[in-house]
Amino acid sequence: MHDGVININKPKGCTSYDIVHRIKKITNKKVGHTGTLDPMATGVLPICIGKASKISQYIVAQTKRYTATMILGVRTDTLDITGKVLSETNFFYYEEKVLNALKKFCGEYYQLPPMFSAIKKNGQKLYKLARQGITIEREKRLVNIYELNFVNYMPPNKVSIDVKCSKGTYIRSLCDDIGNEIGCGACLSELTRTECGDFFIENSITVDEFDKLYQNNLADSKIIAIENLLDFKKVTVAAKNILYNGNKIDLKFVLSEKNFVDGEKLLVFDPQKKLVGIYLREKNFLRPVRMLL
């Protein structure tokens, strides 16, 4: 089985680490992920296998898409249904009021991250402080809501929305903000990530399905190879000792076209088409940024 990324459909009730641990147990390789999903959330969770775990920072999606259901009239301390209820308000549904509230959050806006999050403040994760009943001041972060669509209404007080947003957006916070805009409060009750960059839920598979493919030596059919994940130019370099030792490479050893510019990142291969690593063009040399041997 080659190294790369597998598009896993995470089920509800388990952590992203649980998925990583199980894939690691199946493949006996180093495994990582490109961004967590809360235990209550389901959907797209790209998992890096083998050497692909070394390049996770290059394939972290800048845009994500979710289908979310929120309960109007209910506020909780975690901003979702897993938390302690802080208040309940009788809500009489008016579609126009909901649609107008959604319009308010299309585009860029400054969002306050929830206390129950993995963000660190002075070296401590916020959720650990929140569990102690401690609330501290947080800075709002600029996020971008590219699309925010009303999906349907489920009586008496649930609304489903479709959200395409920037990296770092908290859907729990968005639901809370929408509820405050409506004037009744709201909390997240269900969440499914349908897109994560170039990974889509319709192309995802469950861990059980991956396990079955792996046992039948068919896992490669669902793994995206490293060279197909990165939008860098591909360069072939003569197989000198320096190529495998992580040293700078003089441009005279480049066998392929030299149609790249200073400061550009490149995928370097040896003459046998084996991926060596990610390199940076610096004047007359290629400097290794990440070795993938």
Protein backbone atom coordinates (compact mmCIF):
# COMPACT_ATOMS: atom_id res chain seq x y z
CA MET A 1 0.00 0.00 0.00
CA HIS A 2 1.42 3.38 -0.97
CA ASP A 3 1.49 6.47 1.24
CA GLY A 4 -1.06 9.21 0.80
CA VAL A 5 -4.39 10.48 2.07
CA ILE A 6 -7.61 8.54 2.58
CA ASN A 7 -10.95 10.36 2.71
CA ILE A 8 -12.67 8.91 5.78
CA ASN A 9 -16.31 9.52 6.71
CA LYS A 10 -16.17 9.93 10.49
CA PRO A 11 -19.15 8.57 12.44
CA LYS A 12 -20.78 10.31 15.38
CA GLY A 13 -19.54 9.61 18.91
CA CYS A 14 -15.83 9.10 18.30
CA THR A 15 -12.93 11.55 18.25
CA SER A 16 -10.68 12.29 15.30
CA TYR A 17 -7.87 10.64 17.28
CA ASP A 18 -9.97 7.46 17.54
CA ILE A 19 -10.04 7.32 13.74
CA VAL A 20 -6.29 7.95 13.52
CA HIS A 21 -5.62 5.21 16.07
CA ARG A 22 -7.74 2.68 14.18
CA ILE A 23 -6.18 3.45 10.77
CA LYS A 24 -2.74 3.16 12.39
CA LYS A 25 -3.70 -0.23 13.81
CA ILE A 26 -4.92 -1.42 10.39
CA THR A 27 -1.92 -0.21 8.36
CA ASN A 28 0.85 -0.32 10.99
CA LYS A 29 2.08 3.00 9.56
CA LYS A 30 2.44 6.53 10.87
CA VAL A 31 -0.95 8.24 10.63
CA GLY A 32 -2.21 11.78 11.16
CA HIS A 33 -5.12 14.03 10.21
CA THR A 34 -5.45 17.50 8.65
CA GLY A 35 -8.00 18.94 11.05
CA THR A 36 -10.23 17.59 13.80
CA LEU A 37 -13.97 17.07 13.99
CA ASP A 38 -15.83 17.21 17.31
CA PRO A 39 -17.07 13.82 18.60
CA MET A 40 -20.69 14.79 17.86
CA ALA A 41 -19.80 15.68 14.24
CA THR A 42 -19.74 13.35 11.25
CA GLY A 43 -18.34 13.56 7.74
CA VAL A 44 -15.16 14.22 5.83
CA LEU A 45 -11.93 13.62 7.77
CA PRO A 46 -8.84 13.36 5.51
CA ILE A 47 -6.34 10.96 7.07
CA CYS A 48 -2.62 11.10 6.18
CA ILE A 49 -0.89 7.73 5.96
CA GLY A 50 2.84 7.12 6.07
CA LYS A 51 5.00 9.89 4.58
CA ALA A 52 1.88 11.95 3.86
CA SER A 53 1.79 12.79 7.57
CA LYS A 54 4.92 14.88 6.94
CA ILE A 55 3.08 17.22 4.58
CA SER A 56 -0.19 17.75 6.46
CA GLN A 57 0.56 21.49 6.72
CA TYR A 58 0.49 21.71 2.92
CA ILE A 59 -2.87 19.98 2.49
CA VAL A 60 -4.87 21.59 5.31
CA ALA A 61 -8.00 22.79 3.54
CA GLN A 62 -8.60 26.53 3.38
CA THR A 63 -12.32 26.06 2.70
CA LYS A 64 -14.79 23.66 4.29
CA ARG A 65 -18.49 22.93 3.92
CA TYR A 66 -20.97 21.72 6.51
CA THR A 67 -24.59 20.80 6.91
CA ALA A 68 -25.67 21.91 10.37
CA THR A 69 -28.86 21.67 12.37
CA MET A 70 -29.50 24.18 15.12
CA ILE A 71 -32.11 24.32 17.86
CA LEU A 72 -33.63 27.77 18.14
CA GLY A 73 -34.50 29.04 21.61
CA VAL A 74 -31.88 26.99 23.46
CA ARG A 75 -28.52 28.26 24.72
CA THR A 76 -25.81 26.01 26.21
CA ASP A 77 -22.35 26.57 27.66
CA THR A 78 -20.68 24.55 24.87
CA LEU A 79 -22.86 26.13 22.15
CA ASP A 80 -24.09 22.64 21.19
CA ILE A 81 -26.43 20.01 22.63
CA THR A 82 -23.64 18.26 24.54
CA GLY A 83 -23.44 21.14 27.01
CA LYS A 84 -25.32 22.44 30.00
CA VAL A 85 -28.50 24.34 29.13
CA LEU A 86 -28.17 27.98 30.16
CA SER A 87 -31.55 29.24 28.97
CA GLU A 88 -34.63 28.18 27.02
CA THR A 89 -36.91 30.57 25.19
CA ASN A 90 -40.27 29.88 23.54
CA PHE A 91 -39.70 30.46 19.86
CA PHE A 92 -42.37 31.08 17.25
CA TYR A 93 -40.97 30.27 13.83
CA TYR A 94 -40.95 32.94 11.14
CA GLU A 95 -39.01 31.92 8.05
CA GLU A 96 -38.39 35.50 6.95
CA LYS A 97 -36.79 36.32 10.31
CA VAL A 98 -34.46 33.32 10.01
CA LEU A 99 -33.52 34.15 6.39
CA ASN A 100 -32.74 37.76 7.30
CA ALA A 101 -30.51 36.59 10.15
CA LEU A 102 -28.60 34.26 7.84
CA LYS A 103 -27.93 37.10 5.39
CA LYS A 104 -26.22 39.05 8.18
CA PHE A 105 -23.40 36.49 8.38
CA CYS A 106 -22.57 36.08 4.69
CA GLY A 107 -19.06 37.33 3.96
CA GLU A 108 -16.35 38.24 6.46
CA TYR A 109 -17.16 38.74 10.13
CA TYR A 110 -15.32 38.67 13.44
CA GLN A 111 -16.23 35.51 15.36
CA LEU A 112 -15.63 34.84 19.04
CA PRO A 113 -14.14 31.34 19.49
CA PRO A 114 -15.99 29.18 22.05
CA MET A 115 -14.49 28.48 25.46
CA PHE A 116 -14.97 24.77 24.77
CA SER A 117 -12.29 24.63 22.06
CA ALA A 118 -8.68 23.48 21.67
CA ILE A 119 -7.40 27.03 21.22
CA LYS A 120 -4.54 27.77 23.60
CA LYS A 121 -4.31 30.83 25.82
CA ASN A 122 -1.08 31.27 27.81
CA GLY A 123 -0.21 27.63 27.05
CA GLN A 124 -3.54 26.22 28.29
CA LYS A 125 -6.30 24.82 26.12
CA LEU A 126 -9.52 26.74 26.57
CA TYR A 127 -11.71 23.66 27.04
CA LYS A 128 -9.65 22.61 30.08
CA LEU A 129 -10.33 25.99 31.67
CA ALA A 130 -14.00 25.81 30.68
CA ARG A 131 -14.37 22.44 32.42
CA GLN A 132 -13.18 24.15 35.61
CA GLY A 133 -15.88 26.76 35.20
CA ILE A 134 -13.36 29.38 34.13
CA THR A 135 -14.21 31.81 31.34
CA ILE A 136 -11.50 34.09 30.01
CA GLU A 137 -11.41 36.88 27.48
CA ARG A 138 -10.84 35.74 23.90
CA GLU A 139 -9.99 37.73 20.83
CA LYS A 140 -12.44 37.61 17.96
CA ARG A 141 -11.10 36.11 14.75
CA LEU A 142 -11.88 37.16 11.20
CA VAL A 143 -13.64 34.31 9.37
CA ASN A 144 -15.29 34.20 5.97
CA ILE A 145 -18.70 32.68 5.29
CA TYR A 146 -18.63 32.12 1.54
CA GLU A 147 -22.12 30.61 1.40
CA LEU A 148 -24.87 30.33 4.02
CA ASN A 149 -28.01 28.64 2.76
CA PHE A 150 -31.28 27.78 4.46
CA VAL A 151 -32.01 24.05 3.94
CA ASN A 152 -35.22 23.28 5.84
CA TYR A 153 -37.30 23.81 8.95
CA MET A 154 -38.14 20.95 11.31
CA PRO A 155 -40.95 21.85 13.73
CA PRO A 156 -41.09 23.02 16.34
CA ASN A 157 -37.70 24.76 16.59
CA LYS A 158 -35.00 23.17 14.42
CA VAL A 159 -33.46 24.70 11.32
CA SER A 160 -30.95 23.08 8.97
CA ILE A 161 -28.36 25.19 7.13
CA ASP A 162 -25.60 24.65 4.57
CA VAL A 163 -22.35 26.54 5.26
CA LYS A 164 -19.26 27.00 3.12
CA CYS A 165 -16.62 28.77 5.19
CA SER A 166 -12.96 29.53 5.74
CA LYS A 167 -10.58 27.49 7.83
CA GLY A 168 -10.93 28.29 11.54
CA THR A 169 -14.66 28.94 11.49
CA TYR A 170 -16.58 27.45 14.42
CA ILE A 171 -20.03 26.33 13.31
CA ARG A 172 -21.14 26.20 16.96
CA SER A 173 -20.28 29.88 17.30
CA LEU A 174 -22.01 30.68 14.02
CA CYS A 175 -25.23 29.01 15.24
CA ASP A 176 -24.99 30.92 18.52
CA ASP A 177 -24.50 34.18 16.64
CA ILE A 178 -27.45 33.45 14.35
CA GLY A 179 -29.63 32.68 17.36
CA ASN A 180 -28.61 35.95 18.99
CA GLU A 181 -29.39 37.83 15.79
CA ILE A 182 -32.86 36.26 15.69
CA GLY A 183 -33.25 37.15 19.36
CA CYS A 184 -33.98 33.72 20.81
CA GLY A 185 -30.57 32.09 21.06
CA ALA A 186 -29.59 28.81 19.41
CA CYS A 187 -27.28 25.83 19.78
CA LEU A 188 -25.86 23.30 17.37
CA SER A 189 -27.55 19.87 17.45
CA GLU A 190 -26.09 18.06 14.41
CA LEU A 191 -23.08 18.67 12.20
CA THR A 192 -21.78 16.95 9.07
CA ARG A 193 -18.69 18.11 7.16
CA THR A 194 -19.50 17.57 3.50
CA GLU A 195 -16.37 19.12 1.98
CA CYS A 196 -12.81 19.71 3.15
CA GLY A 197 -10.80 21.34 0.37
CA ASP A 198 -10.73 18.83 -2.49
CA PHE A 199 -12.25 16.03 -0.36
CA PHE A 200 -16.00 15.44 -0.69
CA ILE A 201 -18.36 13.30 1.35
CA GLU A 202 -19.62 11.46 -1.74
CA ASN A 203 -16.09 10.10 -2.26
CA SER A 204 -15.48 9.20 1.40
CA ILE A 205 -15.48 5.73 2.93
CA THR A 206 -15.94 4.43 6.45
CA VAL A 207 -13.09 2.96 8.48
CA ASP A 208 -14.75 -0.47 8.20
CA GLU A 209 -14.80 -0.15 4.40
CA PHE A 210 -11.14 0.89 4.40
CA ASP A 211 -10.27 -2.06 6.64
CA LYS A 212 -11.97 -4.46 4.22
CA LEU A 213 -10.15 -2.94 1.24
CA TYR A 214 -6.83 -3.16 3.08
CA GLN A 215 -7.34 -6.82 3.98
CA ASN A 216 -8.02 -7.55 0.29
CA ASN A 217 -5.00 -5.52 -0.92
CA LEU A 218 -7.30 -2.97 -2.57
CA ALA A 219 -6.64 0.05 -0.33
CA ASP A 220 -4.53 1.84 -2.96
CA SER A 221 -7.67 2.39 -5.02
CA LYS A 222 -8.90 4.84 -2.36
CA ILE A 223 -5.59 6.46 -1.38
CA ILE A 224 -4.54 9.70 -3.05
CA ALA A 225 -0.77 9.65 -3.59
CA ILE A 226 1.37 12.49 -2.22
CA GLU A 227 2.37 13.74 -5.68
CA ASN A 228 -1.32 14.12 -6.58
CA LEU A 229 -2.12 16.08 -3.42
CA LEU A 230 0.29 18.97 -3.88
CA ASP A 231 -0.05 21.52 -6.64
CA PHE A 232 3.71 21.92 -7.09
CA LYS A 233 5.70 21.50 -10.29
CA LYS A 234 7.44 18.14 -10.67
CA VAL A 235 11.20 18.09 -11.20
CA THR A 236 13.50 15.17 -11.98
CA VAL A 237 17.05 15.29 -10.58
CA ALA A 238 20.06 13.08 -11.31
CA ALA A 239 20.49 10.32 -8.70
CA LYS A 240 23.59 11.64 -6.97
CA ASN A 241 24.36 10.99 -3.31
CA ILE A 242 23.42 14.55 -2.44
CA LEU A 243 19.85 13.85 -3.58
CA TYR A 244 19.25 11.35 -0.80
CA ASN A 245 21.22 13.10 1.95
CA GLY A 246 19.10 16.22 2.23
CA ASN A 247 21.75 18.52 0.75
CA LYS A 248 21.27 21.46 -1.60
CA ILE A 249 21.18 20.47 -5.26
CA ASP A 250 22.88 22.46 -7.98
CA LEU A 251 20.51 23.24 -10.86
CA LYS A 252 22.93 21.54 -13.26
CA PHE A 253 21.68 18.18 -11.90
CA VAL A 254 18.07 18.91 -12.88
CA LEU A 255 17.15 16.62 -15.79
CA SER A 256 13.70 18.03 -16.53
CA GLU A 257 12.65 21.46 -17.77
CA LYS A 258 13.82 24.33 -15.54
CA ASN A 259 10.60 26.35 -15.96
CA PHE A 260 10.39 27.44 -12.34
CA VAL A 261 11.30 30.63 -10.53
CA ASP A 262 13.26 31.65 -7.47
CA GLY A 263 11.26 31.02 -4.27
CA GLU A 264 9.02 28.39 -5.86
CA LYS A 265 8.35 25.07 -4.08
CA LEU A 266 8.90 21.94 -6.19
CA LEU A 267 8.34 18.20 -5.95
CA VAL A 268 11.66 16.51 -6.63
CA PHE A 269 11.87 12.97 -8.09
CA ASP A 270 14.85 10.76 -8.90
CA PRO A 271 15.25 9.26 -12.43
CA GLN A 272 13.34 6.15 -11.26
CA LYS A 273 10.32 8.43 -10.54
CA LYS A 274 10.65 8.00 -6.79
CA LEU A 275 9.49 11.06 -4.84
CA VAL A 276 12.40 12.49 -2.86
CA GLY A 277 10.86 15.55 -1.24
CA ILE A 278 9.68 19.14 -1.41
CA TYR A 279 12.40 21.59 -2.41
CA LEU A 280 12.65 25.36 -2.71
CA ARG A 281 14.34 27.10 -5.63
CA GLU A 282 17.01 29.44 -4.28
CA LYS A 283 19.01 31.10 -7.06
CA ASN A 284 21.14 28.32 -8.61
CA PHE A 285 20.18 25.65 -6.10
CA LEU A 286 17.26 23.57 -4.88
CA ARG A 287 17.08 23.54 -1.08
CA PRO A 288 15.21 20.68 0.67
CA VAL A 289 12.18 21.82 2.68
CA ARG A 290 10.73 18.40 3.52
CA MET A 291 12.35 15.06 2.71
CA LEU A 292 9.90 12.29 1.82
CA LEU A 293 12.19 9.29 1.39
